[in-house]
Amino acid sequence: MNQKTIFITGSSRGIGKSIALLFASHGYHTFLNCTRSLDALKEVKETIETIYHMPCTLVPGDVGNPEDVALIYQQIYQQCDCLDVLVNNAGIAHISLLTDMTDADWDRIIQTNLSSVFYCCRAAIPPMVTRKSGRIINVSSMWGTSGASCEVAYSASKSGVNGFTRALAKELAPSNIQVNAVACGVIDTEMNGQLSEQERHALEDEIPAGRYGTPDEIAKIIWDIAHAPEYLTGQIIGADGGYL
């Protein structure tokens, strides 16, 4: 029986790291990616190999850059013919008034959060179609559904991810490839680490669950989606503690 494979973008910390550890614990060969935090990525690899004794390959690079993505997939396909699971998790936030954003700010958010999903899916799909099997899971946000003040670019990028997910699911359904997204609420990661203690408590009070979600909870949801019945596709699955 061939070993299952998964490629997770943005997997040096937070949600991506939790996904990598969970899938590795179940025997997956994990392909891990980040752009800059290579030391942290190496630590994830060491954990996987030491604790779970599973193969793990580092494929660093900027997934918002099509040339980097081509090189990343070249490395992946040297070790496997086809990915079983692709998780597009890489993402960045930017909080400011729209009028204070530069062209470079906008381009960076769209490239990292949305264009990366296009580039990584485009490279993953052909072998999946040939095999008529595969799971693509995009990490989105509740702000892609409702929008957030002072996070217009981020909200737009995640709304794009949601539309991309629904459309691609229809395109790939005849090939038995499922495409879904998880619309995360406020998750306890470094992305939200810039909040003051007062801001954090105020936000927690707005969440019906009364707390932030954890990266491990999102990883478990992604595990469940990756192993759900094949009829589940084209869905934006909310995980926001009842916020929306």
C-alpha atoms as a PDB file:
ATOM      1  CA  MET A   1       0.000   0.000   0.000  1.00  0.00           C
ATOM      2  CA  ASN A   2       1.411   3.379  -1.039  1.00  0.00           C
ATOM      3  CA  GLN A   3       2.108   5.875   1.724  1.00  0.00           C
ATOM      4  CA  LYS A   4      -0.259   8.823   1.798  1.00  0.00           C
ATOM      5  CA  THR A   5       1.180  12.287   1.094  1.00  0.00           C
ATOM      6  CA  ILE A   6       0.224  15.816   2.078  1.00  0.00           C
ATOM      7  CA  PHE A   7       1.645  19.221   1.145  1.00  0.00           C
ATOM      8  CA  ILE A   8       0.933  22.032   3.619  1.00  0.00           C
ATOM      9  CA  THR A   9       1.857  25.611   2.784  1.00  0.00           C
ATOM     10  CA  GLY A  10       2.838  27.871   5.663  1.00  0.00           C
ATOM     11  CA  SER A  11       3.620  24.992   8.012  1.00  0.00           C
ATOM     12  CA  SER A  12       6.393  26.335  10.251  1.00  0.00           C
ATOM     13  CA  ARG A  13       4.016  27.344  13.044  1.00  0.00           C
ATOM     14  CA  GLY A  14       0.392  27.781  14.065  1.00  0.00           C
ATOM     15  CA  ILE A  15      -2.313  25.988  12.110  1.00  0.00           C
ATOM     16  CA  GLY A  16       0.086  24.637   9.475  1.00  0.00           C
ATOM     17  CA  LYS A  17       2.352  23.080  12.086  1.00  0.00           C
ATOM     18  CA  SER A  18      -0.605  21.447  13.856  1.00  0.00           C
ATOM     19  CA  ILE A  19      -1.832  20.012  10.548  1.00  0.00           C
ATOM     20  CA  ALA A  20       1.611  18.597   9.793  1.00  0.00           C
ATOM     21  CA  LEU A  21       1.960  16.921  13.181  1.00  0.00           C
ATOM     22  CA  LEU A  22      -1.535  15.428  13.069  1.00  0.00           C
ATOM     23  CA  PHE A  23      -1.175  13.936   9.594  1.00  0.00           C
ATOM     24  CA  ALA A  24       2.338  12.680  10.359  1.00  0.00           C
ATOM     25  CA  SER A  25       1.004  10.945  13.465  1.00  0.00           C
ATOM     26  CA  HIS A  26      -1.321   9.008  11.150  1.00  0.00           C
ATOM     27  CA  GLY A  27       1.464   7.870   8.825  1.00  0.00           C
ATOM     28  CA  TYR A  28       1.484  10.558   6.141  1.00  0.00           C
ATOM     29  CA  HIS A  29       4.609  11.693   4.311  1.00  0.00           C
ATOM     30  CA  THR A  30       4.476  15.444   4.957  1.00  0.00           C
ATOM     31  CA  PHE A  31       5.848  18.108   2.623  1.00  0.00           C
ATOM     32  CA  LEU A  32       6.382  21.274   4.643  1.00  0.00           C
ATOM     33  CA  ASN A  33       6.700  24.826   3.378  1.00  0.00           C
ATOM     34  CA  CYS A  34       7.424  28.344   4.546  1.00  0.00           C
ATOM     35  CA  THR A  35       9.015  31.431   3.044  1.00  0.00           C
ATOM     36  CA  ARG A  36      11.260  32.784   5.779  1.00  0.00           C
ATOM     37  CA  SER A  37      11.008  30.800   9.050  1.00  0.00           C
ATOM     38  CA  LEU A  38      13.289  27.980   7.944  1.00  0.00           C
ATOM     39  CA  ASP A  39      14.678  27.237  11.420  1.00  0.00           C
ATOM     40  CA  ALA A  40      11.144  26.761  12.764  1.00  0.00           C
ATOM     41  CA  LEU A  41      10.306  24.563   9.766  1.00  0.00           C
ATOM     42  CA  LYS A  42      13.344  22.402  10.487  1.00  0.00           C
ATOM     43  CA  GLU A  43      12.141  21.983  14.067  1.00  0.00           C
ATOM     44  CA  VAL A  44       8.780  20.684  12.804  1.00  0.00           C
ATOM     45  CA  LYS A  45      10.601  18.206  10.576  1.00  0.00           C
ATOM     46  CA  GLU A  46      12.776  17.057  13.499  1.00  0.00           C
ATOM     47  CA  THR A  47       9.682  16.531  15.656  1.00  0.00           C
ATOM     48  CA  ILE A  48       7.981  14.471  12.961  1.00  0.00           C
ATOM     49  CA  GLU A  49      11.002  12.290  12.347  1.00  0.00           C
ATOM     50  CA  THR A  50      11.870  11.861  16.042  1.00  0.00           C
ATOM     51  CA  ILE A  51       8.417  11.261  17.509  1.00  0.00           C
ATOM     52  CA  TYR A  52       6.444   9.761  14.624  1.00  0.00           C
ATOM     53  CA  HIS A  53       9.302   8.247  12.572  1.00  0.00           C
ATOM     54  CA  MET A  54       7.609   9.346   9.375  1.00  0.00           C
ATOM     55  CA  PRO A  55       9.221  10.811   6.242  1.00  0.00           C
ATOM     56  CA  CYS A  56       9.139  14.590   6.053  1.00  0.00           C
ATOM     57  CA  THR A  57      10.450  16.796   3.256  1.00  0.00           C
ATOM     58  CA  LEU A  58      11.101  20.510   3.443  1.00  0.00           C
ATOM     59  CA  VAL A  59      10.104  22.496   0.353  1.00  0.00           C
ATOM     60  CA  PRO A  60      10.709  26.137   1.325  1.00  0.00           C
ATOM     61  CA  GLY A  61       9.788  28.951  -1.021  1.00  0.00           C
ATOM     62  CA  ASP A  62       7.320  31.750  -1.630  1.00  0.00           C
ATOM     63  CA  VAL A  63       4.059  30.114  -2.717  1.00  0.00           C
ATOM     64  CA  GLY A  64       2.881  33.519  -3.915  1.00  0.00           C
ATOM     65  CA  ASN A  65       5.587  33.335  -6.584  1.00  0.00           C
ATOM     66  CA  PRO A  66       4.842  30.981  -9.520  1.00  0.00           C
ATOM     67  CA  GLU A  67       8.529  30.320 -10.153  1.00  0.00           C
ATOM     68  CA  ASP A  68       9.037  29.184  -6.557  1.00  0.00           C
ATOM     69  CA  VAL A  69       5.944  27.000  -6.761  1.00  0.00           C
ATOM     70  CA  ALA A  70       7.285  25.289  -9.894  1.00  0.00           C
ATOM     71  CA  LEU A  71      10.504  24.448  -8.044  1.00  0.00           C
ATOM     72  CA  ILE A  72       8.581  23.252  -4.973  1.00  0.00           C
ATOM     73  CA  TYR A  73       6.473  20.842  -7.011  1.00  0.00           C
ATOM     74  CA  GLN A  74       9.519  19.635  -8.880  1.00  0.00           C
ATOM     75  CA  GLN A  75      10.893  18.503  -5.518  1.00  0.00           C
ATOM     76  CA  ILE A  76       7.573  16.972  -4.473  1.00  0.00           C
ATOM     77  CA  TYR A  77       7.192  14.961  -7.669  1.00  0.00           C
ATOM     78  CA  GLN A  78      10.691  13.584  -7.285  1.00  0.00           C
ATOM     79  CA  GLN A  79       9.372  11.735  -4.235  1.00  0.00           C
ATOM     80  CA  CYS A  80       5.773  10.940  -5.145  1.00  0.00           C
ATOM     81  CA  ASP A  81       3.656  10.678  -8.278  1.00  0.00           C
ATOM     82  CA  CYS A  82       0.674  12.501  -6.842  1.00  0.00           C
ATOM     83  CA  LEU A  83      -0.373  14.279  -3.671  1.00  0.00           C
ATOM     84  CA  ASP A  84      -3.237  12.793  -1.700  1.00  0.00           C
ATOM     85  CA  VAL A  85      -3.948  16.054   0.132  1.00  0.00           C
ATOM     86  CA  LEU A  86      -3.061  19.678  -0.558  1.00  0.00           C
ATOM     87  CA  VAL A  87      -3.689  22.199   2.222  1.00  0.00           C
ATOM     88  CA  ASN A  88      -3.354  25.839   1.183  1.00  0.00           C
ATOM     89  CA  ASN A  89      -2.688  27.379   4.575  1.00  0.00           C
ATOM     90  CA  ALA A  90      -0.148  30.154   3.915  1.00  0.00           C
ATOM     91  CA  GLY A  91      -1.544  33.551   4.764  1.00  0.00           C
ATOM     92  CA  ILE A  92      -0.735  36.972   6.150  1.00  0.00           C
ATOM     93  CA  ALA A  93      -2.826  39.700   7.766  1.00  0.00           C
ATOM     94  CA  HIS A  94      -2.683  43.469   7.407  1.00  0.00           C
ATOM     95  CA  ILE A  95      -4.595  45.870   9.618  1.00  0.00           C
ATOM     96  CA  SER A  96      -4.960  49.470   8.426  1.00  0.00           C
ATOM     97  CA  LEU A  97      -7.336  51.861   6.759  1.00  0.00           C
ATOM     98  CA  LEU A  98      -7.704  51.119   3.069  1.00  0.00           C
ATOM     99  CA  THR A  99      -6.502  54.602   2.181  1.00  0.00           C
ATOM    100  CA  ASP A 100      -3.273  53.992   4.118  1.00  0.00           C
ATOM    101  CA  MET A 101      -2.414  50.856   2.151  1.00  0.00           C
ATOM    102  CA  THR A 102       0.275  51.015  -0.495  1.00  0.00           C
ATOM    103  CA  ASP A 103       0.192  49.196  -3.809  1.00  0.00           C
ATOM    104  CA  ALA A 104       2.903  46.915  -2.443  1.00  0.00           C
ATOM    105  CA  ASP A 105       0.800  46.095   0.642  1.00  0.00           C
ATOM    106  CA  TRP A 106      -2.169  45.119  -1.527  1.00  0.00           C
ATOM    107  CA  ASP A 107      -0.095  43.033  -3.930  1.00  0.00           C
ATOM    108  CA  ARG A 108       1.648  41.192  -1.079  1.00  0.00           C
ATOM    109  CA  ILE A 109      -1.622  40.187   0.587  1.00  0.00           C
ATOM    110  CA  ILE A 110      -3.313  39.076  -2.630  1.00  0.00           C
ATOM    111  CA  GLN A 111      -0.253  37.129  -3.807  1.00  0.00           C
ATOM    112  CA  THR A 112       0.234  35.362  -0.467  1.00  0.00           C
ATOM    113  CA  ASN A 113      -3.387  34.670   0.427  1.00  0.00           C
ATOM    114  CA  LEU A 114      -5.058  34.132  -2.942  1.00  0.00           C
ATOM    115  CA  SER A 115      -2.611  33.754  -5.828  1.00  0.00           C
ATOM    116  CA  SER A 116      -0.730  31.090  -3.858  1.00  0.00           C
ATOM    117  CA  VAL A 117      -3.877  28.967  -3.816  1.00  0.00           C
ATOM    118  CA  PHE A 118      -4.117  29.217  -7.607  1.00  0.00           C
ATOM    119  CA  TYR A 119      -0.455  28.376  -8.174  1.00  0.00           C
ATOM    120  CA  CYS A 120      -0.418  25.408  -5.791  1.00  0.00           C
ATOM    121  CA  CYS A 121      -3.711  23.980  -7.054  1.00  0.00           C
ATOM    122  CA  ARG A 122      -2.664  24.327 -10.686  1.00  0.00           C
ATOM    123  CA  ALA A 123       0.454  22.251 -10.031  1.00  0.00           C
ATOM    124  CA  ALA A 124      -1.298  19.637  -7.888  1.00  0.00           C
ATOM    125  CA  ILE A 125      -4.337  18.969 -10.054  1.00  0.00           C
ATOM    126  CA  PRO A 126      -3.023  17.171 -13.200  1.00  0.00           C
ATOM    127  CA  PRO A 127      -1.756  14.027 -11.367  1.00  0.00           C
ATOM    128  CA  MET A 128      -4.918  14.022  -9.240  1.00  0.00           C
ATOM    129  CA  VAL A 129      -7.063  14.080 -12.379  1.00  0.00           C
ATOM    130  CA  THR A 130      -5.047  11.229 -13.872  1.00  0.00           C
ATOM    131  CA  ARG A 131      -5.542   9.190 -10.707  1.00  0.00           C
ATOM    132  CA  LYS A 132      -9.114  10.463 -10.193  1.00  0.00           C
ATOM    133  CA  SER A 133      -8.453  11.025  -6.526  1.00  0.00           C
ATOM    134  CA  GLY A 134      -7.367  13.881  -4.279  1.00  0.00           C
ATOM    135  CA  ARG A 135      -8.365  16.331  -1.606  1.00  0.00           C
ATOM    136  CA  ILE A 136      -7.754  20.090  -1.711  1.00  0.00           C
ATOM    137  CA  ILE A 137      -8.476  22.057   1.467  1.00  0.00           C
ATOM    138  CA  ASN A 138      -8.096  25.826   1.638  1.00  0.00           C
ATOM    139  CA  VAL A 139      -7.711  27.671   4.923  1.00  0.00           C
ATOM    140  CA  SER A 140      -9.963  30.710   4.715  1.00  0.00           C
ATOM    141  CA  SER A 141     -11.485  33.095   7.244  1.00  0.00           C
ATOM    142  CA  MET A 142     -14.854  34.216   8.524  1.00  0.00           C
ATOM    143  CA  TRP A 143     -13.847  37.679   7.263  1.00  0.00           C
ATOM    144  CA  GLY A 144     -14.059  36.259   3.756  1.00  0.00           C
ATOM    145  CA  THR A 145     -17.769  35.855   4.449  1.00  0.00           C
ATOM    146  CA  SER A 146     -18.620  38.988   6.429  1.00  0.00           C
ATOM    147  CA  GLY A 147     -15.672  41.344   5.892  1.00  0.00           C
ATOM    148  CA  ALA A 148     -13.730  43.138   8.616  1.00  0.00           C
ATOM    149  CA  SER A 149     -13.188  46.865   9.082  1.00  0.00           C
ATOM    150  CA  CYS A 150      -9.542  47.873   8.582  1.00  0.00           C
ATOM    151  CA  GLU A 151      -8.866  44.480   6.979  1.00  0.00           C
ATOM    152  CA  VAL A 152     -10.258  45.120   3.524  1.00  0.00           C
ATOM    153  CA  ALA A 153      -7.424  43.486   1.580  1.00  0.00           C
ATOM    154  CA  TYR A 154      -7.361  40.453   3.868  1.00  0.00           C
ATOM    155  CA  SER A 155     -11.159  40.103   3.668  1.00  0.00           C
ATOM    156  CA  ALA A 156     -11.063  40.435  -0.126  1.00  0.00           C
ATOM    157  CA  SER A 157      -8.358  37.785  -0.427  1.00  0.00           C
ATOM    158  CA  LYS A 158     -10.294  35.314   1.725  1.00  0.00           C
ATOM    159  CA  SER A 159     -13.535  36.030  -0.095  1.00  0.00           C
ATOM    160  CA  GLY A 160     -11.587  35.185  -3.243  1.00  0.00           C
ATOM    161  CA  VAL A 161     -10.465  31.912  -1.679  1.00  0.00           C
ATOM    162  CA  ASN A 162     -14.093  31.034  -0.929  1.00  0.00           C
ATOM    163  CA  GLY A 163     -15.226  31.722  -4.491  1.00  0.00           C
ATOM    164  CA  PHE A 164     -12.210  29.867  -5.862  1.00  0.00           C
ATOM    165  CA  THR A 165     -13.071  26.869  -3.671  1.00  0.00           C
ATOM    166  CA  ARG A 166     -16.687  26.645  -4.789  1.00  0.00           C
ATOM    167  CA  ALA A 167     -15.856  27.035  -8.482  1.00  0.00           C
ATOM    168  CA  LEU A 168     -12.936  24.597  -8.493  1.00  0.00           C
ATOM    169  CA  ALA A 169     -15.010  22.003  -6.637  1.00  0.00           C
ATOM    170  CA  LYS A 170     -17.509  22.012  -9.504  1.00  0.00           C
ATOM    171  CA  GLU A 171     -14.726  21.790 -12.063  1.00  0.00           C
ATOM    172  CA  LEU A 172     -13.050  18.811 -10.372  1.00  0.00           C
ATOM    173  CA  ALA A 173     -16.073  16.881  -9.112  1.00  0.00           C
ATOM    174  CA  PRO A 174     -16.260  14.751 -12.310  1.00  0.00           C
ATOM    175  CA  SER A 175     -12.663  13.678 -11.590  1.00  0.00           C
ATOM    176  CA  ASN A 176     -13.529  12.651  -8.006  1.00  0.00           C
ATOM    177  CA  ILE A 177     -11.390  15.397  -6.456  1.00  0.00           C
ATOM    178  CA  GLN A 178     -12.935  17.163  -3.483  1.00  0.00           C
ATOM    179  CA  VAL A 179     -12.281  20.874  -2.825  1.00  0.00           C
ATOM    180  CA  ASN A 180     -13.396  22.491   0.436  1.00  0.00           C
ATOM    181  CA  ALA A 181     -12.389  25.376   2.694  1.00  0.00           C
ATOM    182  CA  VAL A 182     -12.371  26.063   6.417  1.00  0.00           C
ATOM    183  CA  ALA A 183     -13.457  29.596   7.306  1.00  0.00           C
ATOM    184  CA  CYS A 184     -11.580  30.123  10.546  1.00  0.00           C
ATOM    185  CA  GLY A 185     -12.647  32.497  13.265  1.00  0.00           C
ATOM    186  CA  VAL A 186     -10.186  34.010  15.716  1.00  0.00           C
ATOM    187  CA  ILE A 187      -7.485  31.392  16.245  1.00  0.00           C
ATOM    188  CA  ASP A 188      -4.775  31.636  18.897  1.00  0.00           C
ATOM    189  CA  THR A 189      -1.782  32.063  16.571  1.00  0.00           C
ATOM    190  CA  GLU A 190       0.997  34.592  16.078  1.00  0.00           C
ATOM    191  CA  MET A 191      -1.174  36.357  13.481  1.00  0.00           C
ATOM    192  CA  ASN A 192      -3.307  37.596  16.382  1.00  0.00           C
ATOM    193  CA  GLY A 193      -0.355  38.108  18.693  1.00  0.00           C
ATOM    194  CA  GLN A 194      -0.234  41.853  18.022  1.00  0.00           C
ATOM    195  CA  LEU A 195      -3.418  42.396  20.018  1.00  0.00           C
ATOM    196  CA  SER A 196      -3.119  43.948  23.463  1.00  0.00           C
ATOM    197  CA  GLU A 197      -4.499  42.080  26.474  1.00  0.00           C
ATOM    198  CA  GLN A 198      -7.436  44.484  26.566  1.00  0.00           C
ATOM    199  CA  GLU A 199      -8.172  43.984  22.856  1.00  0.00           C
ATOM    200  CA  ARG A 200      -7.889  40.234  23.281  1.00  0.00           C
ATOM    201  CA  HIS A 201     -10.430  40.128  26.117  1.00  0.00           C
ATOM    202  CA  ALA A 202     -12.801  42.424  24.242  1.00  0.00           C
ATOM    203  CA  LEU A 203     -12.694  40.132  21.213  1.00  0.00           C
ATOM    204  CA  GLU A 204     -13.196  37.033  23.344  1.00  0.00           C
ATOM    205  CA  ASP A 205     -16.348  38.629  24.756  1.00  0.00           C
ATOM    206  CA  GLU A 206     -17.750  38.862  21.210  1.00  0.00           C
ATOM    207  CA  ILE A 207     -17.240  35.153  20.525  1.00  0.00           C
ATOM    208  CA  PRO A 208     -20.168  33.013  21.729  1.00  0.00           C
ATOM    209  CA  ALA A 209     -17.747  30.232  22.672  1.00  0.00           C
ATOM    210  CA  GLY A 210     -15.976  32.738  24.926  1.00  0.00           C
ATOM    211  CA  ARG A 211     -12.467  31.982  23.709  1.00  0.00           C
ATOM    212  CA  TYR A 212     -10.132  31.804  20.746  1.00  0.00           C
ATOM    213  CA  GLY A 213      -9.952  28.610  18.748  1.00  0.00           C
ATOM    214  CA  THR A 214      -6.750  26.573  18.783  1.00  0.00           C
ATOM    215  CA  PRO A 215      -4.571  25.463  15.865  1.00  0.00           C
ATOM    216  CA  ASP A 216      -5.102  21.846  16.934  1.00  0.00           C
ATOM    217  CA  GLU A 217      -8.865  22.251  16.596  1.00  0.00           C
ATOM    218  CA  ILE A 218      -8.516  23.537  13.043  1.00  0.00           C
ATOM    219  CA  ALA A 219      -6.098  20.722  12.224  1.00  0.00           C
ATOM    220  CA  LYS A 220      -8.663  18.174  13.447  1.00  0.00           C
ATOM    221  CA  ILE A 221     -11.357  19.739  11.262  1.00  0.00           C
ATOM    222  CA  ILE A 222      -9.026  19.558   8.267  1.00  0.00           C
ATOM    223  CA  TRP A 223      -8.264  15.916   9.066  1.00  0.00           C
ATOM    224  CA  ASP A 224     -11.987  15.175   9.125  1.00  0.00           C
ATOM    225  CA  ILE A 225     -12.548  16.945   5.802  1.00  0.00           C
ATOM    226  CA  ALA A 226      -9.647  15.067   4.214  1.00  0.00           C
ATOM    227  CA  HIS A 227     -11.265  11.778   5.229  1.00  0.00           C
ATOM    228  CA  ALA A 228     -14.930  12.717   4.775  1.00  0.00           C
ATOM    229  CA  PRO A 229     -17.228  10.954   2.302  1.00  0.00           C
ATOM    230  CA  GLU A 230     -16.485  11.934  -1.295  1.00  0.00           C
ATOM    231  CA  TYR A 231     -19.846  13.673  -1.658  1.00  0.00           C
ATOM    232  CA  LEU A 232     -18.572  16.520   0.542  1.00  0.00           C
ATOM    233  CA  THR A 233     -17.194  19.109  -1.858  1.00  0.00           C
ATOM    234  CA  GLY A 234     -17.539  22.812  -2.617  1.00  0.00           C
ATOM    235  CA  GLN A 235     -18.221  23.708   1.016  1.00  0.00           C
ATOM    236  CA  ILE A 236     -16.996  26.629   3.116  1.00  0.00           C
ATOM    237  CA  ILE A 237     -17.049  25.133   6.602  1.00  0.00           C
ATOM    238  CA  GLY A 238     -17.162  27.686   9.392  1.00  0.00           C
ATOM    239  CA  ALA A 239     -15.045  27.190  12.518  1.00  0.00           C
ATOM    240  CA  ASP A 240     -15.544  30.419  14.462  1.00  0.00           C
ATOM    241  CA  GLY A 241     -16.975  29.498  17.852  1.00  0.00           C
ATOM    242  CA  GLY A 242     -20.414  30.688  16.764  1.00  0.00           C
ATOM    243  CA  TYR A 243     -19.224  34.194  15.816  1.00  0.00           C
ATOM    244  CA  LEU A 244     -21.131  34.282  12.511  1.00  0.00           C
END
